[in-house]
């Protein structure tokens, strides 16, 4: 398991203590997944990915308190992506999975508006589902960190491989469309899906990039090298659309031949 330095330990203790204070006796545990758990965390680019388990559903006042806390603390210093699920939602696993509350930076403006107006849509007690949770829980089961609470094996269900594949293929489809607009994220995610489809390996974006450097045909390696170096924070010149489309088309062809 990845060992966190003292600053990160202090950071997670602050987050945990505040969430426990807000959820009170409803709190069960908090778990780290994503790049930080898998050793590919880049402080300048990566999100902190968290899952929180609670005993029972979260009412709107509790969700509002969580939203206020996350708006004030996400991006200081790291963007936070976090989902809250109940024990019942885990026990009665379905895909896409229901959840209680979710925050990421993509929701910042929506949450700020809802807290100001009191017109709640993202903050609500209606049935909410997220297909990404199958991927998040699969990564947590394979490589996650139990920060506080029961051990991962005692809390989280085994996610069927079909659910994991369905989850990552949704992101894969987005990356096929957006590789020119967001080359670093999309190329690494496309390789990550390729690796799973080919060999069943669940990987971080950085691990996927390193795999691509050793395993892809030579003609794509220079582009992948630039993507990996960009992800690691090195300044790289602009990507050419043709090189990005070339990598994308190769991966798409290989994946479609494998899963059809």
C-alpha atoms as a PDB file:
ATOM      1  CA  UNK A   1       0.000   0.000   0.000  1.00  0.00           C
ATOM      2  CA  UNK A   2       1.157   3.551  -0.771  1.00  0.00           C
ATOM      3  CA  UNK A   3       2.620   5.379   2.223  1.00  0.00           C
ATOM      4  CA  UNK A   4       1.525   9.003   2.565  1.00  0.00           C
ATOM      5  CA  UNK A   5       3.818  11.723   3.873  1.00  0.00           C
ATOM      6  CA  UNK A   6       3.023  13.743   7.000  1.00  0.00           C
ATOM      7  CA  UNK A   7       1.492  16.630   5.060  1.00  0.00           C
ATOM      8  CA  UNK A   8      -0.904  14.301   3.258  1.00  0.00           C
ATOM      9  CA  UNK A   9      -1.746  12.529   6.494  1.00  0.00           C
ATOM     10  CA  UNK A  10      -2.645  15.876   8.059  1.00  0.00           C
ATOM     11  CA  UNK A  11      -4.679  16.798   4.990  1.00  0.00           C
ATOM     12  CA  UNK A  12      -6.725  13.590   5.116  1.00  0.00           C
ATOM     13  CA  UNK A  13      -7.187  13.824   8.861  1.00  0.00           C
ATOM     14  CA  UNK A  14      -8.692  17.299   8.422  1.00  0.00           C
ATOM     15  CA  UNK A  15     -11.062  16.091   5.710  1.00  0.00           C
ATOM     16  CA  UNK A  16     -12.038  13.016   7.714  1.00  0.00           C
ATOM     17  CA  UNK A  17     -12.650  14.869  10.957  1.00  0.00           C
ATOM     18  CA  UNK A  18     -14.831  17.476   9.248  1.00  0.00           C
ATOM     19  CA  UNK A  19     -16.890  14.871   7.379  1.00  0.00           C
ATOM     20  CA  UNK A  20     -17.330  12.885  10.585  1.00  0.00           C
ATOM     21  CA  UNK A  21     -18.487  16.051  12.308  1.00  0.00           C
ATOM     22  CA  UNK A  22     -21.060  16.734   9.598  1.00  0.00           C
ATOM     23  CA  UNK A  23     -22.366  13.172   9.262  1.00  0.00           C
ATOM     24  CA  UNK A  24     -22.045  12.418  12.998  1.00  0.00           C
ATOM     25  CA  UNK A  25     -23.147   8.905  13.991  1.00  0.00           C
ATOM     26  CA  UNK A  26     -24.045   8.139  10.387  1.00  0.00           C
ATOM     27  CA  UNK A  27     -20.364   7.907   9.416  1.00  0.00           C
ATOM     28  CA  UNK A  28     -18.920   4.454   8.642  1.00  0.00           C
ATOM     29  CA  UNK A  29     -15.624   4.982   6.801  1.00  0.00           C
ATOM     30  CA  UNK A  30     -13.599   6.979   4.305  1.00  0.00           C
ATOM     31  CA  UNK A  31     -11.496   5.406   1.541  1.00  0.00           C
ATOM     32  CA  UNK A  32      -8.934   6.667  -0.983  1.00  0.00           C
ATOM     33  CA  UNK A  33      -8.870   5.445  -4.575  1.00  0.00           C
ATOM     34  CA  UNK A  34      -7.568   6.817  -7.876  1.00  0.00           C
ATOM     35  CA  UNK A  35      -4.065   8.017  -8.645  1.00  0.00           C
ATOM     36  CA  UNK A  36      -3.093   8.673  -5.032  1.00  0.00           C
ATOM     37  CA  UNK A  37      -3.836   5.088  -4.060  1.00  0.00           C
ATOM     38  CA  UNK A  38      -2.076   3.705  -7.129  1.00  0.00           C
ATOM     39  CA  UNK A  39       1.089   5.787  -6.941  1.00  0.00           C
ATOM     40  CA  UNK A  40       0.483   8.059  -9.928  1.00  0.00           C
ATOM     41  CA  UNK A  41      -0.575  11.201  -8.058  1.00  0.00           C
ATOM     42  CA  UNK A  42       0.633  14.484  -9.562  1.00  0.00           C
ATOM     43  CA  UNK A  43       0.135  17.337  -7.050  1.00  0.00           C
ATOM     44  CA  UNK A  44      -0.211  19.857  -9.871  1.00  0.00           C
ATOM     45  CA  UNK A  45      -2.834  17.955 -11.877  1.00  0.00           C
ATOM     46  CA  UNK A  46      -4.440  15.066 -10.005  1.00  0.00           C
ATOM     47  CA  UNK A  47      -7.699  14.968  -8.093  1.00  0.00           C
ATOM     48  CA  UNK A  48      -7.948  13.500  -4.630  1.00  0.00           C
ATOM     49  CA  UNK A  49     -10.452  10.663  -5.098  1.00  0.00           C
ATOM     50  CA  UNK A  50     -12.511   9.614  -2.082  1.00  0.00           C
ATOM     51  CA  UNK A  51     -15.427   7.366  -1.201  1.00  0.00           C
ATOM     52  CA  UNK A  52     -17.345   7.823   2.045  1.00  0.00           C
ATOM     53  CA  UNK A  53     -19.701   5.190   3.397  1.00  0.00           C
ATOM     54  CA  UNK A  54     -22.589   6.146   5.666  1.00  0.00           C
ATOM     55  CA  UNK A  55     -25.194   4.052   7.447  1.00  0.00           C
ATOM     56  CA  UNK A  56     -28.297   5.825   6.170  1.00  0.00           C
ATOM     57  CA  UNK A  57     -29.414   8.362   3.583  1.00  0.00           C
ATOM     58  CA  UNK A  58     -28.229  11.978   3.829  1.00  0.00           C
ATOM     59  CA  UNK A  59     -30.890  14.638   4.278  1.00  0.00           C
ATOM     60  CA  UNK A  60     -30.699  17.955   2.457  1.00  0.00           C
ATOM     61  CA  UNK A  61     -29.287  20.006   5.395  1.00  0.00           C
ATOM     62  CA  UNK A  62     -26.425  17.493   5.737  1.00  0.00           C
ATOM     63  CA  UNK A  63     -25.757  17.593   1.999  1.00  0.00           C
ATOM     64  CA  UNK A  64     -25.698  21.399   2.137  1.00  0.00           C
ATOM     65  CA  UNK A  65     -23.097  21.308   4.908  1.00  0.00           C
ATOM     66  CA  UNK A  66     -20.993  18.882   2.900  1.00  0.00           C
ATOM     67  CA  UNK A  67     -21.310  21.104  -0.171  1.00  0.00           C
ATOM     68  CA  UNK A  68     -20.184  24.176   1.779  1.00  0.00           C
ATOM     69  CA  UNK A  69     -17.182  22.329   3.176  1.00  0.00           C
ATOM     70  CA  UNK A  70     -16.118  20.951  -0.186  1.00  0.00           C
ATOM     71  CA  UNK A  71     -16.565  24.276  -1.989  1.00  0.00           C
ATOM     72  CA  UNK A  72     -14.318  25.876   0.608  1.00  0.00           C
ATOM     73  CA  UNK A  73     -11.659  23.161   0.583  1.00  0.00           C
ATOM     74  CA  UNK A  74     -11.524  21.617  -2.888  1.00  0.00           C
ATOM     75  CA  UNK A  75      -8.589  23.124  -4.797  1.00  0.00           C
ATOM     76  CA  UNK A  76      -6.895  24.061  -1.519  1.00  0.00           C
ATOM     77  CA  UNK A  77      -4.511  22.603  -2.437  1.00  0.00           C
ATOM     78  CA  UNK A  78      -6.010  19.731  -4.467  1.00  0.00           C
ATOM     79  CA  UNK A  79      -9.306  19.303  -6.330  1.00  0.00           C
ATOM     80  CA  UNK A  80     -11.518  16.774  -4.567  1.00  0.00           C
ATOM     81  CA  UNK A  81     -13.777  14.199  -6.179  1.00  0.00           C
ATOM     82  CA  UNK A  82     -15.887  12.445  -3.577  1.00  0.00           C
ATOM     83  CA  UNK A  83     -18.964  10.224  -3.459  1.00  0.00           C
ATOM     84  CA  UNK A  84     -21.074   9.173  -0.481  1.00  0.00           C
ATOM     85  CA  UNK A  85     -22.885   5.813  -0.509  1.00  0.00           C
ATOM     86  CA  UNK A  86     -24.961   4.005   2.074  1.00  0.00           C
ATOM     87  CA  UNK A  87     -24.270   0.509   3.340  1.00  0.00           C
ATOM     88  CA  UNK A  88     -27.513  -0.596   1.710  1.00  0.00           C
ATOM     89  CA  UNK A  89     -26.414   0.716  -1.692  1.00  0.00           C
ATOM     90  CA  UNK A  90     -23.263  -1.373  -1.408  1.00  0.00           C
ATOM     91  CA  UNK A  91     -25.034  -4.472  -0.131  1.00  0.00           C
ATOM     92  CA  UNK A  92     -27.639  -4.321  -2.898  1.00  0.00           C
ATOM     93  CA  UNK A  93     -25.158  -3.429  -5.633  1.00  0.00           C
ATOM     94  CA  UNK A  94     -26.559  -2.450  -9.028  1.00  0.00           C
ATOM     95  CA  UNK A  95     -24.969  -0.766 -12.033  1.00  0.00           C
ATOM     96  CA  UNK A  96     -25.143   2.118 -12.507  1.00  0.00           C
ATOM     97  CA  UNK A  97     -24.981   2.486  -8.753  1.00  0.00           C
ATOM     98  CA  UNK A  98     -27.165   4.845  -6.731  1.00  0.00           C
ATOM     99  CA  UNK A  99     -25.390   7.257  -4.409  1.00  0.00           C
ATOM    100  CA  UNK A 100     -26.252   9.845  -1.760  1.00  0.00           C
ATOM    101  CA  UNK A 101     -24.006  12.802  -2.566  1.00  0.00           C
ATOM    102  CA  UNK A 102     -21.255  13.627  -5.025  1.00  0.00           C
ATOM    103  CA  UNK A 103     -18.880  16.552  -5.446  1.00  0.00           C
ATOM    104  CA  UNK A 104     -16.208  17.321  -7.998  1.00  0.00           C
ATOM    105  CA  UNK A 105     -14.970  20.584  -9.468  1.00  0.00           C
ATOM    106  CA  UNK A 106     -17.254  20.102 -12.445  1.00  0.00           C
ATOM    107  CA  UNK A 107     -20.165  20.644 -10.043  1.00  0.00           C
ATOM    108  CA  UNK A 108     -18.780  23.777  -8.342  1.00  0.00           C
ATOM    109  CA  UNK A 109     -20.946  26.330 -10.122  1.00  0.00           C
ATOM    110  CA  UNK A 110     -24.091  24.225  -9.749  1.00  0.00           C
ATOM    111  CA  UNK A 111     -23.547  23.801  -6.010  1.00  0.00           C
ATOM    112  CA  UNK A 112     -22.742  27.475  -5.469  1.00  0.00           C
ATOM    113  CA  UNK A 113     -25.964  28.435  -7.247  1.00  0.00           C
ATOM    114  CA  UNK A 114     -28.093  25.940  -5.350  1.00  0.00           C
ATOM    115  CA  UNK A 115     -26.772  27.073  -1.974  1.00  0.00           C
ATOM    116  CA  UNK A 116     -27.538  30.687  -2.885  1.00  0.00           C
ATOM    117  CA  UNK A 117     -31.023  30.096  -4.289  1.00  0.00           C
ATOM    118  CA  UNK A 118     -32.243  27.160  -2.225  1.00  0.00           C
ATOM    119  CA  UNK A 119     -33.414  25.538  -5.451  1.00  0.00           C
ATOM    120  CA  UNK A 120     -31.909  22.079  -5.074  1.00  0.00           C
ATOM    121  CA  UNK A 121     -31.345  19.669  -7.950  1.00  0.00           C
ATOM    122  CA  UNK A 122     -27.840  18.236  -7.483  1.00  0.00           C
ATOM    123  CA  UNK A 123     -28.424  18.510  -3.741  1.00  0.00           C
ATOM    124  CA  UNK A 124     -31.507  16.341  -3.228  1.00  0.00           C
ATOM    125  CA  UNK A 125     -32.866  13.126  -1.776  1.00  0.00           C
ATOM    126  CA  UNK A 126     -34.098  11.726  -5.074  1.00  0.00           C
ATOM    127  CA  UNK A 127     -32.706   8.607  -6.724  1.00  0.00           C
ATOM    128  CA  UNK A 128     -29.288   9.492  -8.162  1.00  0.00           C
ATOM    129  CA  UNK A 129     -27.027   7.084 -10.059  1.00  0.00           C
ATOM    130  CA  UNK A 130     -23.458   7.258 -11.340  1.00  0.00           C
ATOM    131  CA  UNK A 131     -22.010   4.705 -13.801  1.00  0.00           C
ATOM    132  CA  UNK A 132     -18.479   5.778 -12.811  1.00  0.00           C
ATOM    133  CA  UNK A 133     -18.881   4.170  -9.397  1.00  0.00           C
ATOM    134  CA  UNK A 134     -18.318   0.684 -10.807  1.00  0.00           C
ATOM    135  CA  UNK A 135     -14.844   1.788 -11.879  1.00  0.00           C
ATOM    136  CA  UNK A 136     -14.155   3.626  -8.634  1.00  0.00           C
ATOM    137  CA  UNK A 137     -15.090   0.627  -6.502  1.00  0.00           C
ATOM    138  CA  UNK A 138     -13.129  -1.777  -8.693  1.00  0.00           C
ATOM    139  CA  UNK A 139     -10.011   0.353  -8.282  1.00  0.00           C
ATOM    140  CA  UNK A 140     -10.650   0.632  -4.551  1.00  0.00           C
ATOM    141  CA  UNK A 141     -10.963  -3.153  -4.246  1.00  0.00           C
ATOM    142  CA  UNK A 142      -7.701  -3.679  -6.141  1.00  0.00           C
ATOM    143  CA  UNK A 143      -5.515  -0.834  -4.918  1.00  0.00           C
ATOM    144  CA  UNK A 144      -7.451   1.367  -2.499  1.00  0.00           C
ATOM    145  CA  UNK A 145      -6.558   2.757   0.920  1.00  0.00           C
ATOM    146  CA  UNK A 146      -8.803   2.452   3.964  1.00  0.00           C
ATOM    147  CA  UNK A 147      -8.196   5.768   5.691  1.00  0.00           C
ATOM    148  CA  UNK A 148     -10.682   5.252   8.510  1.00  0.00           C
ATOM    149  CA  UNK A 149     -13.339   2.625   9.072  1.00  0.00           C
ATOM    150  CA  UNK A 150     -13.754  -1.107   8.431  1.00  0.00           C
ATOM    151  CA  UNK A 151     -11.388  -2.831   6.040  1.00  0.00           C
ATOM    152  CA  UNK A 152     -12.181  -2.567   2.333  1.00  0.00           C
ATOM    153  CA  UNK A 153     -13.015  -6.281   1.961  1.00  0.00           C
ATOM    154  CA  UNK A 154     -15.529  -5.994   4.798  1.00  0.00           C
ATOM    155  CA  UNK A 155     -17.398  -3.049   3.268  1.00  0.00           C
ATOM    156  CA  UNK A 156     -17.290  -3.145  -0.508  1.00  0.00           C
ATOM    157  CA  UNK A 157     -18.780  -5.741  -2.849  1.00  0.00           C
ATOM    158  CA  UNK A 158     -16.815  -7.437  -5.605  1.00  0.00           C
ATOM    159  CA  UNK A 159     -17.717  -5.557  -8.769  1.00  0.00           C
ATOM    160  CA  UNK A 160     -18.485  -7.796 -11.784  1.00  0.00           C
ATOM    161  CA  UNK A 161     -15.958  -7.311 -14.576  1.00  0.00           C
ATOM    162  CA  UNK A 162     -18.823  -6.528 -16.954  1.00  0.00           C
ATOM    163  CA  UNK A 163     -19.810  -3.572 -14.763  1.00  0.00           C
ATOM    164  CA  UNK A 164     -16.239  -2.286 -14.634  1.00  0.00           C
ATOM    165  CA  UNK A 165     -15.884  -2.565 -18.399  1.00  0.00           C
ATOM    166  CA  UNK A 166     -19.204  -0.803 -18.961  1.00  0.00           C
ATOM    167  CA  UNK A 167     -18.062   1.997 -16.663  1.00  0.00           C
ATOM    168  CA  UNK A 168     -14.699   2.609 -18.327  1.00  0.00           C
ATOM    169  CA  UNK A 169     -16.131   2.289 -21.838  1.00  0.00           C
ATOM    170  CA  UNK A 170     -18.367   5.295 -21.177  1.00  0.00           C
ATOM    171  CA  UNK A 171     -15.280   7.400 -20.431  1.00  0.00           C
ATOM    172  CA  UNK A 172     -13.546   5.791 -23.403  1.00  0.00           C
ATOM    173  CA  UNK A 173     -16.285   7.012 -25.737  1.00  0.00           C
ATOM    174  CA  UNK A 174     -15.899  10.554 -24.418  1.00  0.00           C
ATOM    175  CA  UNK A 175     -12.143  10.398 -24.935  1.00  0.00           C
ATOM    176  CA  UNK A 176     -12.546   9.244 -28.533  1.00  0.00           C
ATOM    177  CA  UNK A 177     -14.408  12.502 -29.169  1.00  0.00           C
ATOM    178  CA  UNK A 178     -12.251  14.802 -27.056  1.00  0.00           C
ATOM    179  CA  UNK A 179      -8.676  13.620 -27.639  1.00  0.00           C
ATOM    180  CA  UNK A 180      -7.721  16.797 -29.507  1.00  0.00           C
ATOM    181  CA  UNK A 181      -9.219  19.073 -26.862  1.00  0.00           C
ATOM    182  CA  UNK A 182      -7.767  17.212 -23.853  1.00  0.00           C
ATOM    183  CA  UNK A 183      -4.894  15.093 -25.180  1.00  0.00           C
ATOM    184  CA  UNK A 184      -3.140  14.154 -21.933  1.00  0.00           C
ATOM    185  CA  UNK A 185      -6.202  12.923 -20.061  1.00  0.00           C
ATOM    186  CA  UNK A 186      -7.751  11.263 -23.104  1.00  0.00           C
ATOM    187  CA  UNK A 187      -4.705   9.446 -24.472  1.00  0.00           C
ATOM    188  CA  UNK A 188      -3.859   8.028 -21.044  1.00  0.00           C
ATOM    189  CA  UNK A 189      -7.430   6.925 -20.477  1.00  0.00           C
ATOM    190  CA  UNK A 190      -7.659   5.339 -23.908  1.00  0.00           C
ATOM    191  CA  UNK A 191      -4.503   3.355 -23.183  1.00  0.00           C
ATOM    192  CA  UNK A 192      -5.861   2.404 -19.778  1.00  0.00           C
ATOM    193  CA  UNK A 193      -9.001   0.955 -21.377  1.00  0.00           C
ATOM    194  CA  UNK A 194      -6.908  -0.770 -24.066  1.00  0.00           C
ATOM    195  CA  UNK A 195      -4.757  -2.453 -21.392  1.00  0.00           C
ATOM    196  CA  UNK A 196      -7.777  -3.685 -19.475  1.00  0.00           C
ATOM    197  CA  UNK A 197      -9.497  -5.025 -22.588  1.00  0.00           C
ATOM    198  CA  UNK A 198      -6.315  -6.749 -23.768  1.00  0.00           C
ATOM    199  CA  UNK A 199      -4.954  -8.115 -20.487  1.00  0.00           C
ATOM    200  CA  UNK A 200      -7.456  -7.435 -17.706  1.00  0.00           C
ATOM    201  CA  UNK A 201      -5.135  -4.992 -15.941  1.00  0.00           C
ATOM    202  CA  UNK A 202      -6.632  -2.215 -13.800  1.00  0.00           C
ATOM    203  CA  UNK A 203      -4.145   0.662 -13.884  1.00  0.00           C
ATOM    204  CA  UNK A 204      -3.595   4.307 -13.130  1.00  0.00           C
ATOM    205  CA  UNK A 205      -3.209   6.814 -15.952  1.00  0.00           C
ATOM    206  CA  UNK A 206       0.541   7.009 -15.344  1.00  0.00           C
ATOM    207  CA  UNK A 207       0.913   3.222 -15.342  1.00  0.00           C
ATOM    208  CA  UNK A 208      -1.067   3.088 -18.581  1.00  0.00           C
ATOM    209  CA  UNK A 209       1.234   5.640 -20.167  1.00  0.00           C
ATOM    210  CA  UNK A 210       4.320   3.699 -19.119  1.00  0.00           C
ATOM    211  CA  UNK A 211       2.748   0.528 -20.512  1.00  0.00           C
ATOM    212  CA  UNK A 212       2.114   2.294 -23.807  1.00  0.00           C
ATOM    213  CA  UNK A 213       5.764   3.349 -24.006  1.00  0.00           C
ATOM    214  CA  UNK A 214       6.916  -0.259 -23.793  1.00  0.00           C
ATOM    215  CA  UNK A 215       4.105  -2.101 -25.571  1.00  0.00           C
ATOM    216  CA  UNK A 216       2.686   0.068 -28.366  1.00  0.00           C
ATOM    217  CA  UNK A 217       4.027   0.089 -31.932  1.00  0.00           C
ATOM    218  CA  UNK A 218       7.023   2.377 -32.377  1.00  0.00           C
ATOM    219  CA  UNK A 219       5.123   4.894 -34.494  1.00  0.00           C
ATOM    220  CA  UNK A 220       2.965   5.927 -31.509  1.00  0.00           C
ATOM    221  CA  UNK A 221       5.615   6.044 -28.803  1.00  0.00           C
ATOM    222  CA  UNK A 222       6.759   9.618 -29.361  1.00  0.00           C
ATOM    223  CA  UNK A 223       3.228  10.898 -28.881  1.00  0.00           C
ATOM    224  CA  UNK A 224       2.772   8.739 -25.783  1.00  0.00           C
ATOM    225  CA  UNK A 225       6.114   9.959 -24.416  1.00  0.00           C
ATOM    226  CA  UNK A 226       4.939  13.571 -24.753  1.00  0.00           C
ATOM    227  CA  UNK A 227       1.644  12.713 -23.067  1.00  0.00           C
ATOM    228  CA  UNK A 228       3.389  11.001 -20.132  1.00  0.00           C
ATOM    229  CA  UNK A 229       5.856  13.856 -19.688  1.00  0.00           C
ATOM    230  CA  UNK A 230       3.028  16.385 -19.811  1.00  0.00           C
ATOM    231  CA  UNK A 231       1.135  14.417 -17.160  1.00  0.00           C
ATOM    232  CA  UNK A 232       4.224  14.450 -14.969  1.00  0.00           C
ATOM    233  CA  UNK A 233       4.353  18.239 -15.187  1.00  0.00           C
ATOM    234  CA  UNK A 234       7.089  18.722 -17.769  1.00  0.00           C
ATOM    235  CA  UNK A 235       6.487  21.466 -20.312  1.00  0.00           C
ATOM    236  CA  UNK A 236       5.897  20.001 -23.738  1.00  0.00           C
ATOM    237  CA  UNK A 237       5.134  21.727 -27.030  1.00  0.00           C
ATOM    238  CA  UNK A 238       1.699  21.570 -28.610  1.00  0.00           C
ATOM    239  CA  UNK A 239       0.347  18.268 -29.827  1.00  0.00           C
ATOM    240  CA  UNK A 240      -0.489  17.899 -33.488  1.00  0.00           C
ATOM    241  CA  UNK A 241      -4.047  16.811 -34.197  1.00  0.00           C
ATOM    242  CA  UNK A 242      -2.888  14.184 -36.653  1.00  0.00           C
ATOM    243  CA  UNK A 243      -0.659  12.409 -34.127  1.00  0.00           C
ATOM    244  CA  UNK A 244      -3.450  12.368 -31.567  1.00  0.00           C
ATOM    245  CA  UNK A 245      -5.971  11.003 -34.054  1.00  0.00           C
ATOM    246  CA  UNK A 246      -3.465   8.378 -35.146  1.00  0.00           C
ATOM    247  CA  UNK A 247      -3.064   7.045 -31.593  1.00  0.00           C
ATOM    248  CA  UNK A 248      -6.809   7.255 -31.018  1.00  0.00           C
ATOM    249  CA  UNK A 249      -7.650   5.364 -34.193  1.00  0.00           C
ATOM    250  CA  UNK A 250      -5.132   2.614 -33.425  1.00  0.00           C
ATOM    251  CA  UNK A 251      -6.550   2.105 -29.922  1.00  0.00           C
ATOM    252  CA  UNK A 252     -10.135   2.213 -31.149  1.00  0.00           C
ATOM    253  CA  UNK A 253      -9.446  -0.409 -33.794  1.00  0.00           C
ATOM    254  CA  UNK A 254      -7.691  -2.724 -31.344  1.00  0.00           C
ATOM    255  CA  UNK A 255     -10.418  -2.412 -28.714  1.00  0.00           C
ATOM    256  CA  UNK A 256     -13.260  -2.940 -31.138  1.00  0.00           C
ATOM    257  CA  UNK A 257     -11.592  -6.054 -32.529  1.00  0.00           C
ATOM    258  CA  UNK A 258     -11.206  -7.377 -28.982  1.00  0.00           C
ATOM    259  CA  UNK A 259     -14.729  -6.805 -27.652  1.00  0.00           C
ATOM    260  CA  UNK A 260     -16.885  -7.407 -30.703  1.00  0.00           C
END
